[in-house]
Amino acid sequence: MGNVRRAHWHDLRKVGTPVSVKITCCDENQRRVVRIDGWLTAEDVAAMEAAIEHSVRGTRIDLTDLRSADDTGRAALRALEARGAELWGMTPYFRLLLGDGSGRDGHSDQAGD
């Protein structure tokens, strides 16, 4: 029972429009993990924040399969990191796009670490 997984789809767009991002979340070992796949745009930020719910600090945001993010998406990720979320699985290039080349998350280019 230590590993409870709960996955959700978040899509706030109208039915029939293309979806550019897949946001799933689960609870692993009493920690919220939010996975963002695809292209994060301004339209998707509310869904991402809804997936995180109320407790940002300690939440892991898995960006292993994030392909790109617009200015609003990158700003939202920076703000979540500043509030205590762990941005995990980024490529070094995406870390640079966020404006911090330190790679301090320790997992900047390896999804399986």
Protein backbone atom coordinates (compact mmCIF):
# COMPACT_ATOMS: atom_id res chain seq x y z
CA MET A 1 0.00 0.00 0.00
CA GLY A 2 3.03 2.31 0.17
CA ASN A 3 2.86 3.15 -3.52
CA VAL A 4 -0.52 4.65 -4.36
CA ARG A 5 -0.82 5.67 -7.99
CA ARG A 6 -3.61 7.86 -9.20
CA ALA A 7 -3.55 9.23 -12.73
CA HIS A 8 -5.74 11.95 -14.20
CA TRP A 9 -6.07 13.58 -17.59
CA HIS A 10 -6.36 17.34 -17.58
CA ASP A 11 -7.69 18.98 -20.72
CA LEU A 12 -9.52 22.26 -20.43
CA ARG A 13 -9.92 22.74 -24.17
CA LYS A 14 -13.10 22.42 -26.18
CA VAL A 15 -14.02 19.00 -27.49
CA GLY A 16 -12.66 18.43 -30.97
CA THR A 17 -9.63 20.72 -30.73
CA PRO A 18 -6.16 19.22 -30.93
CA VAL A 19 -4.42 18.57 -27.63
CA SER A 20 -0.79 19.61 -27.52
CA VAL A 21 -0.03 18.53 -23.97
CA LYS A 22 -0.78 15.56 -21.75
CA ILE A 23 -0.72 16.23 -18.02
CA THR A 24 -0.94 13.26 -15.69
CA CYS A 25 -0.46 13.07 -11.98
CA CYS A 26 -0.06 10.41 -9.37
CA ASP A 27 0.97 10.06 -5.78
CA GLU A 28 4.11 8.00 -5.27
CA ASN A 29 5.38 7.29 -1.76
CA GLN A 30 3.42 10.21 -0.32
CA ARG A 31 4.75 12.58 -2.98
CA ARG A 32 2.80 14.24 -5.78
CA VAL A 33 4.28 13.64 -9.23
CA VAL A 34 2.96 15.62 -12.19
CA ARG A 35 4.14 14.55 -15.64
CA ILE A 36 3.93 16.98 -18.54
CA ASP A 37 4.31 15.56 -22.05
CA GLY A 38 4.25 17.53 -25.30
CA TRP A 39 4.07 21.30 -25.73
CA LEU A 40 3.15 23.47 -22.75
CA THR A 41 1.35 26.67 -23.76
CA ALA A 42 -0.44 29.50 -21.97
CA GLU A 43 -3.71 27.61 -22.51
CA ASP A 44 -2.34 24.66 -20.51
CA VAL A 45 -0.98 26.46 -17.44
CA ALA A 46 -4.28 26.34 -15.55
CA ALA A 47 -4.52 22.57 -16.09
CA MET A 48 -0.94 22.11 -14.90
CA GLU A 49 -1.62 24.14 -11.76
CA ALA A 50 -4.86 22.21 -11.14
CA ALA A 51 -2.92 18.94 -11.34
CA ILE A 52 -0.54 20.15 -8.65
CA GLU A 53 -3.47 21.14 -6.43
CA HIS A 54 -2.59 23.04 -3.27
CA SER A 55 0.76 21.69 -2.17
CA VAL A 56 3.48 22.88 -4.53
CA ARG A 57 6.41 22.35 -2.15
CA GLY A 58 7.72 18.82 -2.56
CA THR A 59 5.82 18.18 -5.79
CA ARG A 60 7.95 16.65 -8.54
CA ILE A 61 7.17 17.96 -12.01
CA ASP A 62 8.47 15.40 -14.49
CA LEU A 63 9.46 17.16 -17.71
CA THR A 64 11.19 14.18 -19.32
CA ASP A 65 8.85 14.22 -22.32
CA LEU A 66 8.19 17.96 -22.47
CA ARG A 67 9.09 19.03 -25.99
CA SER A 68 8.70 22.79 -25.68
CA ALA A 69 6.98 25.56 -23.74
CA ASP A 70 5.96 29.05 -24.73
CA ASP A 71 6.89 32.12 -22.66
CA THR A 72 3.88 31.73 -20.37
CA GLY A 73 4.53 28.02 -19.84
CA ARG A 74 8.19 28.64 -19.00
CA ALA A 75 7.26 31.47 -16.61
CA ALA A 76 4.77 29.17 -14.84
CA LEU A 77 7.43 26.47 -14.45
CA ARG A 78 9.90 29.00 -13.03
CA ALA A 79 7.27 30.22 -10.56
CA LEU A 80 6.45 26.67 -9.44
CA GLU A 81 10.14 25.93 -8.93
CA ALA A 82 10.52 29.13 -6.89
CA ARG A 83 7.62 27.95 -4.71
CA GLY A 84 9.35 24.64 -3.97
CA ALA A 85 8.38 22.27 -6.77
CA GLU A 86 11.15 20.05 -8.14
CA LEU A 87 11.55 20.32 -11.92
CA TRP A 88 12.87 16.92 -12.94
CA GLY A 89 14.05 15.28 -16.15
CA MET A 90 14.82 18.40 -18.16
CA THR A 91 17.32 18.45 -20.96
CA PRO A 92 20.21 20.89 -20.50
CA TYR A 93 18.75 22.94 -23.37
CA PHE A 94 15.40 23.30 -21.67
CA ARG A 95 17.11 24.25 -18.40
CA LEU A 96 18.85 27.04 -20.33
CA LEU A 97 15.50 28.15 -21.77
CA LEU A 98 14.25 28.51 -18.23
CA GLY A 99 17.15 30.85 -17.59
CA ASP A 100 19.21 28.72 -15.25
CA GLY A 101 22.09 26.74 -16.71
CA SER A 102 23.10 25.22 -13.38
CA GLY A 103 21.22 21.93 -13.89
CA ARG A 104 20.75 21.93 -10.12
CA ASP A 105 17.90 19.44 -10.25
CA GLY A 106 20.50 16.70 -10.58
CA HIS A 107 18.50 14.98 -13.30
CA SER A 108 18.84 17.49 -16.11
CA ASP A 109 19.56 15.06 -18.91
CA GLN A 110 18.73 11.59 -17.63
CA ALA A 111 15.12 10.48 -17.30
CA GLY A 112 15.96 7.34 -15.38
CA ASP A 113 18.04 8.82 -12.56
